Amino acid sequence: MRATTIKVEGALLQELERLKPARQSLAAFVRIVLEREVQRQKLADAGRRYAEFVRESPEESAWLDEWDRADLATPPKRRGR
């Protein structure tokens, strides 16, 4: 596995030190922050792709419209009783 060293100094270093949990190393904290950002970007991209899919798919769009109109607060009526 390839490793990379990034120099962090000044105000950014001070802010990261302030934000990280006391028992966590700075390297571990930065790694988690970066992993979360990568995940956030992936989810945002997936959201954009799904929105595009809905715009281009009348069947999916109709299904979502039906779902939006559904009464989710009232329990369904039982049949046959």
PDB file of N, CA and C in Angstrom:
ATOM      1  N   MET A   1       0.853  -1.178   0.000  1.00  0.00           N
ATOM      2  CA  MET A   1       0.000   0.000   0.000  1.00  0.00           C
ATOM      3  C   MET A   1       0.895   1.236   0.000  1.00  0.00           C
ATOM      4  N   ARG A   2       0.535   2.193  -0.816  1.00  0.00           N
ATOM      5  CA  ARG A   2       1.278   3.439  -0.903  1.00  0.00           C
ATOM      6  C   ARG A   2       0.853   4.379   0.217  1.00  0.00           C
ATOM      7  N   ALA A   3       1.789   5.038   0.842  1.00  0.00           N
ATOM      8  CA  ALA A   3       1.485   5.998   1.906  1.00  0.00           C
ATOM      9  C   ALA A   3       1.841   7.398   1.434  1.00  0.00           C
ATOM     10  N   THR A   4       1.142   8.376   1.976  1.00  0.00           N
ATOM     11  CA  THR A   4       1.379   9.767   1.622  1.00  0.00           C
ATOM     12  C   THR A   4       1.496  10.588   2.894  1.00  0.00           C
ATOM     13  N   THR A   5       2.417  11.495   2.893  1.00  0.00           N
ATOM     14  CA  THR A   5       2.564  12.420   4.011  1.00  0.00           C
ATOM     15  C   THR A   5       2.085  13.787   3.549  1.00  0.00           C
ATOM     16  N   ILE A   6       1.239  14.402   4.347  1.00  0.00           N
ATOM     17  CA  ILE A   6       0.721  15.728   4.026  1.00  0.00           C
ATOM     18  C   ILE A   6       1.108  16.658   5.170  1.00  0.00           C
ATOM     19  N   LYS A   7       1.659  17.781   4.830  1.00  0.00           N
ATOM     20  CA  LYS A   7       2.059  18.743   5.849  1.00  0.00           C
ATOM     21  C   LYS A   7       0.880  19.633   6.206  1.00  0.00           C
ATOM     22  N   VAL A   8       0.542  19.647   7.468  1.00  0.00           N
ATOM     23  CA  VAL A   8      -0.539  20.496   7.983  1.00  0.00           C
ATOM     24  C   VAL A   8       0.080  21.387   9.047  1.00  0.00           C
ATOM     25  N   GLU A   9      -0.132  22.687   8.924  1.00  0.00           N
ATOM     26  CA  GLU A   9       0.494  23.606   9.876  1.00  0.00           C
ATOM     27  C   GLU A   9      -0.408  24.799  10.141  1.00  0.00           C
ATOM     28  N   GLY A  10       0.024  25.615  11.056  1.00  0.00           N
ATOM     29  CA  GLY A  10      -0.655  26.876  11.337  1.00  0.00           C
ATOM     30  C   GLY A  10      -2.073  26.708  11.862  1.00  0.00           C
ATOM     31  N   ALA A  11      -2.940  27.585  11.375  1.00  0.00           N
ATOM     32  CA  ALA A  11      -4.328  27.630  11.863  1.00  0.00           C
ATOM     33  C   ALA A  11      -5.076  26.329  11.586  1.00  0.00           C
ATOM     34  N   LEU A  12      -4.814  25.695  10.444  1.00  0.00           N
ATOM     35  CA  LEU A  12      -5.495  24.441  10.138  1.00  0.00           C
ATOM     36  C   LEU A  12      -5.097  23.353  11.130  1.00  0.00           C
ATOM     37  N   LEU A  13      -3.821  23.247  11.431  1.00  0.00           N
ATOM     38  CA  LEU A  13      -3.353  22.264  12.410  1.00  0.00           C
ATOM     39  C   LEU A  13      -3.980  22.529  13.774  1.00  0.00           C
ATOM     40  N   GLN A  14      -4.016  23.772  14.180  1.00  0.00           N
ATOM     41  CA  GLN A  14      -4.616  24.118  15.473  1.00  0.00           C
ATOM     42  C   GLN A  14      -6.098  23.736  15.503  1.00  0.00           C
ATOM     43  N   GLU A  15      -6.805  23.993  14.422  1.00  0.00           N
ATOM     44  CA  GLU A  15      -8.237  23.667  14.367  1.00  0.00           C
ATOM     45  C   GLU A  15      -8.453  22.157  14.396  1.00  0.00           C
ATOM     46  N   LEU A  16      -7.647  21.413  13.673  1.00  0.00           N
ATOM     47  CA  LEU A  16      -7.762  19.956  13.688  1.00  0.00           C
ATOM     48  C   LEU A  16      -7.473  19.397  15.081  1.00  0.00           C
ATOM     49  N   GLU A  17      -6.455  19.911  15.727  1.00  0.00           N
ATOM     50  CA  GLU A  17      -6.127  19.478  17.097  1.00  0.00           C
ATOM     51  C   GLU A  17      -7.282  19.784  18.048  1.00  0.00           C
ATOM     52  N   ARG A  18      -7.930  20.919  17.846  1.00  0.00           N
ATOM     53  CA  ARG A  18      -9.060  21.302  18.696  1.00  0.00           C
ATOM     54  C   ARG A  18     -10.267  20.390  18.453  1.00  0.00           C
ATOM     55  N   LEU A  19     -10.497  19.989  17.214  1.00  0.00           N
ATOM     56  CA  LEU A  19     -11.673  19.213  16.853  1.00  0.00           C
ATOM     57  C   LEU A  19     -11.564  17.723  17.169  1.00  0.00           C
ATOM     58  N   LYS A  20     -10.365  17.188  17.129  1.00  0.00           N
ATOM     59  CA  LYS A  20     -10.224  15.740  17.284  1.00  0.00           C
ATOM     60  C   LYS A  20     -10.478  15.321  18.734  1.00  0.00           C
ATOM     61  N   PRO A  21     -11.001  14.118  18.918  1.00  0.00           N
ATOM     62  CA  PRO A  21     -11.167  13.591  20.281  1.00  0.00           C
ATOM     63  C   PRO A  21      -9.806  13.485  20.977  1.00  0.00           C
ATOM     64  N   ALA A  22      -9.782  13.721  22.266  1.00  0.00           N
ATOM     65  CA  ALA A  22      -8.524  13.764  23.022  1.00  0.00           C
ATOM     66  C   ALA A  22      -7.730  12.461  22.912  1.00  0.00           C
ATOM     67  N   ARG A  23      -8.407  11.343  22.852  1.00  0.00           N
ATOM     68  CA  ARG A  23      -7.713  10.051  22.838  1.00  0.00           C
ATOM     69  C   ARG A  23      -7.363   9.565  21.434  1.00  0.00           C
ATOM     70  N   GLN A  24      -7.633  10.370  20.428  1.00  0.00           N
ATOM     71  CA  GLN A  24      -7.392   9.958  19.052  1.00  0.00           C
ATOM     72  C   GLN A  24      -6.172  10.685  18.501  1.00  0.00           C
ATOM     73  N   SER A  25      -5.371   9.976  17.742  1.00  0.00           N
ATOM     74  CA  SER A  25      -4.211  10.626  17.122  1.00  0.00           C
ATOM     75  C   SER A  25      -4.687  11.554  16.009  1.00  0.00           C
ATOM     76  N   LEU A  26      -3.866  12.523  15.704  1.00  0.00           N
ATOM     77  CA  LEU A  26      -4.206  13.452  14.628  1.00  0.00           C
ATOM     78  C   LEU A  26      -4.309  12.706  13.299  1.00  0.00           C
ATOM     79  N   ALA A  27      -3.395  11.771  13.062  1.00  0.00           N
ATOM     80  CA  ALA A  27      -3.420  11.004  11.811  1.00  0.00           C
ATOM     81  C   ALA A  27      -4.716  10.213  11.673  1.00  0.00           C
ATOM     82  N   ALA A  28      -5.146   9.566  12.749  1.00  0.00           N
ATOM     83  CA  ALA A  28      -6.393   8.787  12.703  1.00  0.00           C
ATOM     84  C   ALA A  28      -7.582   9.704  12.464  1.00  0.00           C
ATOM     85  N   PHE A  29      -7.592  10.853  13.118  1.00  0.00           N
ATOM     86  CA  PHE A  29      -8.695  11.797  12.953  1.00  0.00           C
ATOM     87  C   PHE A  29      -8.772  12.302  11.510  1.00  0.00           C
ATOM     88  N   VAL A  30      -7.623  12.692  10.952  1.00  0.00           N
ATOM     89  CA  VAL A  30      -7.599  13.192   9.576  1.00  0.00           C
ATOM     90  C   VAL A  30      -8.033  12.095   8.610  1.00  0.00           C
ATOM     91  N   ARG A  31      -7.595  10.868   8.853  1.00  0.00           N
ATOM     92  CA  ARG A  31      -7.994   9.749   7.995  1.00  0.00           C
ATOM     93  C   ARG A  31      -9.516   9.578   8.005  1.00  0.00           C
ATOM     94  N   ILE A  32     -10.126   9.663   9.180  1.00  0.00           N
ATOM     95  CA  ILE A  32     -11.586   9.536   9.293  1.00  0.00           C
ATOM     96  C   ILE A  32     -12.289  10.692   8.587  1.00  0.00           C
ATOM     97  N   VAL A  33     -11.777  11.899   8.758  1.00  0.00           N
ATOM     98  CA  VAL A  33     -12.370  13.064   8.088  1.00  0.00           C
ATOM     99  C   VAL A  33     -12.322  12.877   6.565  1.00  0.00           C
ATOM    100  N   LEU A  34     -11.197  12.403   6.067  1.00  0.00           N
ATOM    101  CA  LEU A  34     -11.060  12.194   4.622  1.00  0.00           C
ATOM    102  C   LEU A  34     -11.974  11.078   4.135  1.00  0.00           C
ATOM    103  N   GLU A  35     -12.071   9.987   4.894  1.00  0.00           N
ATOM    104  CA  GLU A  35     -12.972   8.893   4.516  1.00  0.00           C
ATOM    105  C   GLU A  35     -14.419   9.368   4.467  1.00  0.00           C
ATOM    106  N   ARG A  36     -14.814  10.184   5.431  1.00  0.00           N
ATOM    107  CA  ARG A  36     -16.186  10.717   5.447  1.00  0.00           C
ATOM    108  C   ARG A  36     -16.441  11.620   4.243  1.00  0.00           C
ATOM    109  N   GLU A  37     -15.459  12.412   3.873  1.00  0.00           N
ATOM    110  CA  GLU A  37     -15.624  13.297   2.722  1.00  0.00           C
ATOM    111  C   GLU A  37     -15.756  12.487   1.438  1.00  0.00           C
ATOM    112  N   VAL A  38     -14.950  11.443   1.302  1.00  0.00           N
ATOM    113  CA  VAL A  38     -15.061  10.578   0.126  1.00  0.00           C
ATOM    114  C   VAL A  38     -16.453   9.957   0.079  1.00  0.00           C
ATOM    115  N   GLN A  39     -16.943   9.460   1.219  1.00  0.00           N
ATOM    116  CA  GLN A  39     -18.284   8.868   1.276  1.00  0.00           C
ATOM    117  C   GLN A  39     -19.363   9.902   0.953  1.00  0.00           C
ATOM    118  N   ARG A  40     -19.213  11.117   1.474  1.00  0.00           N
ATOM    119  CA  ARG A  40     -20.178  12.189   1.201  1.00  0.00           C
ATOM    120  C   ARG A  40     -20.234  12.472  -0.300  1.00  0.00           C
ATOM    121  N   GLN A  41     -19.070  12.528  -0.933  1.00  0.00           N
ATOM    122  CA  GLN A  41     -19.023  12.803  -2.369  1.00  0.00           C
ATOM    123  C   GLN A  41     -19.675  11.674  -3.163  1.00  0.00           C
ATOM    124  N   LYS A  42     -19.427  10.423  -2.756  1.00  0.00           N
ATOM    125  CA  LYS A  42     -20.040   9.277  -3.441  1.00  0.00           C
ATOM    126  C   LYS A  42     -21.560   9.319  -3.312  1.00  0.00           C
ATOM    127  N   LEU A  43     -22.056   9.632  -2.114  1.00  0.00           N
ATOM    128  CA  LEU A  43     -23.503   9.696  -1.903  1.00  0.00           C
ATOM    129  C   LEU A  43     -24.133  10.851  -2.686  1.00  0.00           C
ATOM    130  N   ALA A  44     -23.453  11.988  -2.721  1.00  0.00           N
ATOM    131  CA  ALA A  44     -23.968  13.122  -3.493  1.00  0.00           C
ATOM    132  C   ALA A  44     -24.026  12.770  -4.975  1.00  0.00           C
ATOM    133  N   ASP A  45     -23.011  12.082  -5.472  1.00  0.00           N
ATOM    134  CA  ASP A  45     -22.994  11.665  -6.870  1.00  0.00           C
ATOM    135  C   ASP A  45     -24.122  10.669  -7.141  1.00  0.00           C
ATOM    136  N   ALA A  46     -24.330   9.730  -6.232  1.00  0.00           N
ATOM    137  CA  ALA A  46     -25.419   8.759  -6.401  1.00  0.00           C
ATOM    138  C   ALA A  46     -26.769   9.474  -6.410  1.00  0.00           C
ATOM    139  N   GLY A  47     -26.930  10.485  -5.568  1.00  0.00           N
ATOM    140  CA  GLY A  47     -28.168  11.259  -5.549  1.00  0.00           C
ATOM    141  C   GLY A  47     -28.408  11.976  -6.867  1.00  0.00           C
ATOM    142  N   ARG A  48     -27.353  12.553  -7.417  1.00  0.00           N
ATOM    143  CA  ARG A  48     -27.482  13.227  -8.715  1.00  0.00           C
ATOM    144  C   ARG A  48     -27.839  12.231  -9.817  1.00  0.00           C
ATOM    145  N   ARG A  49     -27.193  11.066  -9.797  1.00  0.00           N
ATOM    146  CA  ARG A  49     -27.496  10.051 -10.817  1.00  0.00           C
ATOM    147  C   ARG A  49     -28.924   9.556 -10.692  1.00  0.00           C
ATOM    148  N   TYR A  50     -29.411   9.373  -9.447  1.00  0.00           N
ATOM    149  CA  TYR A  50     -30.787   8.911  -9.266  1.00  0.00           C
ATOM    150  C   TYR A  50     -31.779   9.977  -9.724  1.00  0.00           C
ATOM    151  N   ALA A  51     -31.507  11.234  -9.402  1.00  0.00           N
ATOM    152  CA  ALA A  51     -32.397  12.316  -9.844  1.00  0.00           C
ATOM    153  C   ALA A  51     -32.462  12.362 -11.370  1.00  0.00           C
ATOM    154  N   GLU A  52     -31.327  12.150 -12.018  1.00  0.00           N
ATOM    155  CA  GLU A  52     -31.310  12.112 -13.477  1.00  0.00           C
ATOM    156  C   GLU A  52     -32.110  10.914 -13.992  1.00  0.00           C
ATOM    157  N   PHE A  53     -31.948   9.774 -13.343  1.00  0.00           N
ATOM    158  CA  PHE A  53     -32.698   8.566 -13.717  1.00  0.00           C
ATOM    159  C   PHE A  53     -34.206   8.810 -13.606  1.00  0.00           C
ATOM    160  N   VAL A  54     -34.638   9.445 -12.525  1.00  0.00           N
ATOM    161  CA  VAL A  54     -36.067   9.730 -12.337  1.00  0.00           C
ATOM    162  C   VAL A  54     -36.573  10.672 -13.417  1.00  0.00           C
ATOM    163  N   ARG A  55     -35.782  11.693 -13.756  1.00  0.00           N
ATOM    164  CA  ARG A  55     -36.183  12.620 -14.819  1.00  0.00           C
ATOM    165  C   ARG A  55     -36.339  11.909 -16.161  1.00  0.00           C
ATOM    166  N   GLU A  56     -35.496  10.924 -16.413  1.00  0.00           N
ATOM    167  CA  GLU A  56     -35.497  10.234 -17.704  1.00  0.00           C
ATOM    168  C   GLU A  56     -36.377   8.991 -17.725  1.00  0.00           C
ATOM    169  N   SER A  57     -36.960   8.623 -16.601  1.00  0.00           N
ATOM    170  CA  SER A  57     -37.752   7.391 -16.532  1.00  0.00           C
ATOM    171  C   SER A  57     -39.180   7.702 -16.082  1.00  0.00           C
ATOM    172  N   PRO A  58     -40.124   7.804 -17.028  1.00  0.00           N
ATOM    173  CA  PRO A  58     -41.504   8.121 -16.670  1.00  0.00           C
ATOM    174  C   PRO A  58     -42.103   7.098 -15.692  1.00  0.00           C
ATOM    175  N   GLU A  59     -41.756   5.829 -15.840  1.00  0.00           N
ATOM    176  CA  GLU A  59     -42.301   4.805 -14.946  1.00  0.00           C
ATOM    177  C   GLU A  59     -41.839   5.021 -13.501  1.00  0.00           C
ATOM    178  N   GLU A  60     -40.567   5.310 -13.314  1.00  0.00           N
ATOM    179  CA  GLU A  60     -40.043   5.560 -11.968  1.00  0.00           C
ATOM    180  C   GLU A  60     -40.651   6.833 -11.397  1.00  0.00           C
ATOM    181  N   SER A  61     -40.762   7.848 -12.225  1.00  0.00           N
ATOM    182  CA  SER A  61     -41.347   9.112 -11.791  1.00  0.00           C
ATOM    183  C   SER A  61     -42.802   8.924 -11.356  1.00  0.00           C
ATOM    184  N   ALA A  62     -43.572   8.143 -12.124  1.00  0.00           N
ATOM    185  CA  ALA A  62     -44.970   7.879 -11.768  1.00  0.00           C
ATOM    186  C   ALA A  62     -45.059   7.106 -10.456  1.00  0.00           C
ATOM    187  N   TRP A  63     -44.165   6.142 -10.281  1.00  0.00           N
ATOM    188  CA  TRP A  63     -44.166   5.356  -9.040  1.00  0.00           C
ATOM    189  C   TRP A  63     -43.880   6.258  -7.839  1.00  0.00           C
ATOM    190  N   LEU A  64     -42.929   7.180  -7.984  1.00  0.00           N
ATOM    191  CA  LEU A  64     -42.612   8.105  -6.891  1.00  0.00           C
ATOM    192  C   LEU A  64     -43.777   9.047  -6.606  1.00  0.00           C
ATOM    193  N   ASP A  65     -44.471   9.499  -7.649  1.00  0.00           N
ATOM    194  CA  ASP A  65     -45.651  10.348  -7.450  1.00  0.00           C
ATOM    195  C   ASP A  65     -46.715   9.589  -6.662  1.00  0.00           C
ATOM    196  N   GLU A  66     -46.918   8.311  -7.004  1.00  0.00           N
ATOM    197  CA  GLU A  66     -47.898   7.484  -6.283  1.00  0.00           C
ATOM    198  C   GLU A  66     -47.478   7.327  -4.818  1.00  0.00           C
ATOM    199  N   TRP A  67     -46.213   7.105  -4.600  1.00  0.00           N
ATOM    200  CA  TRP A  67     -45.693   6.953  -3.231  1.00  0.00           C
ATOM    201  C   TRP A  67     -45.900   8.249  -2.435  1.00  0.00           C
ATOM    202  N   ASP A  68     -45.673   9.396  -3.070  1.00  0.00           N
ATOM    203  CA  ASP A  68     -45.868  10.684  -2.396  1.00  0.00           C
ATOM    204  C   ASP A  68     -47.315  10.886  -1.958  1.00  0.00           C
ATOM    205  N   ARG A  69     -48.259  10.348  -2.725  1.00  0.00           N
ATOM    206  CA  ARG A  69     -49.681  10.510  -2.395  1.00  0.00           C
ATOM    207  C   ARG A  69     -50.163   9.489  -1.353  1.00  0.00           C
ATOM    208  N   ALA A  70     -49.380   8.479  -1.080  1.00  0.00           N
ATOM    209  CA  ALA A  70     -49.815   7.412  -0.171  1.00  0.00           C
ATOM    210  C   ALA A  70     -49.978   7.948   1.249  1.00  0.00           C
ATOM    211  N   ASP A  71     -51.045   7.486   1.906  1.00  0.00           N
ATOM    212  CA  ASP A  71     -51.289   7.840   3.302  1.00  0.00           C
ATOM    213  C   ASP A  71     -50.531   6.832   4.172  1.00  0.00           C
ATOM    214  N   LEU A  72     -49.413   7.271   4.694  1.00  0.00           N
ATOM    215  CA  LEU A  72     -48.581   6.374   5.491  1.00  0.00           C
ATOM    216  C   LEU A  72     -48.912   6.443   6.973  1.00  0.00           C
ATOM    217  N   ALA A  73     -49.809   7.338   7.352  1.00  0.00           N
ATOM    218  CA  ALA A  73     -50.156   7.493   8.759  1.00  0.00           C
ATOM    219  C   ALA A  73     -51.309   6.588   9.169  1.00  0.00           C
ATOM    220  N   THR A  74     -52.197   6.272   8.240  1.00  0.00           N
ATOM    221  CA  THR A  74     -53.365   5.454   8.549  1.00  0.00           C
ATOM    222  C   THR A  74     -53.063   3.988   8.255  1.00  0.00           C
ATOM    223  N   PRO A  75     -53.316   3.100   9.234  1.00  0.00           N
ATOM    224  CA  PRO A  75     -53.076   1.673   8.980  1.00  0.00           C
ATOM    225  C   PRO A  75     -53.977   1.181   7.850  1.00  0.00           C
ATOM    226  N   PRO A  76     -53.500   0.232   7.046  1.00  0.00           N
ATOM    227  CA  PRO A  76     -54.315  -0.286   5.961  1.00  0.00           C
ATOM    228  C   PRO A  76     -55.527  -1.051   6.507  1.00  0.00           C
ATOM    229  N   LYS A  77     -56.617  -1.037   5.755  1.00  0.00           N
ATOM    230  CA  LYS A  77     -57.813  -1.773   6.149  1.00  0.00           C
ATOM    231  C   LYS A  77     -57.605  -3.247   5.841  1.00  0.00           C
ATOM    232  N   ARG A  78     -58.098  -4.092   6.743  1.00  0.00           N
ATOM    233  CA  ARG A  78     -57.969  -5.540   6.521  1.00  0.00           C
ATOM    234  C   ARG A  78     -59.084  -6.000   5.621  1.00  0.00           C
ATOM    235  N   ARG A  79     -58.743  -6.848   4.719  1.00  0.00           N
ATOM    236  CA  ARG A  79     -59.716  -7.383   3.784  1.00  0.00           C
ATOM    237  C   ARG A  79     -60.339  -8.652   4.335  1.00  0.00           C
ATOM    238  N   GLY A  80     -61.600  -8.869   4.013  1.00  0.00           N
ATOM    239  CA  GLY A  80     -62.250 -10.113   4.379  1.00  0.00           C
ATOM    240  C   GLY A  80     -62.711 -10.219   5.811  1.00  0.00           C
ATOM    241  N   ARG A  81     -62.765  -9.155   6.531  1.00  0.00           N
ATOM    242  CA  ARG A  81     -63.218  -9.232   7.918  1.00  0.00           C
ATOM    243  C   ARG A  81     -64.406  -8.345   8.127  1.00  0.00           C
TER     244      ARG A  81
END
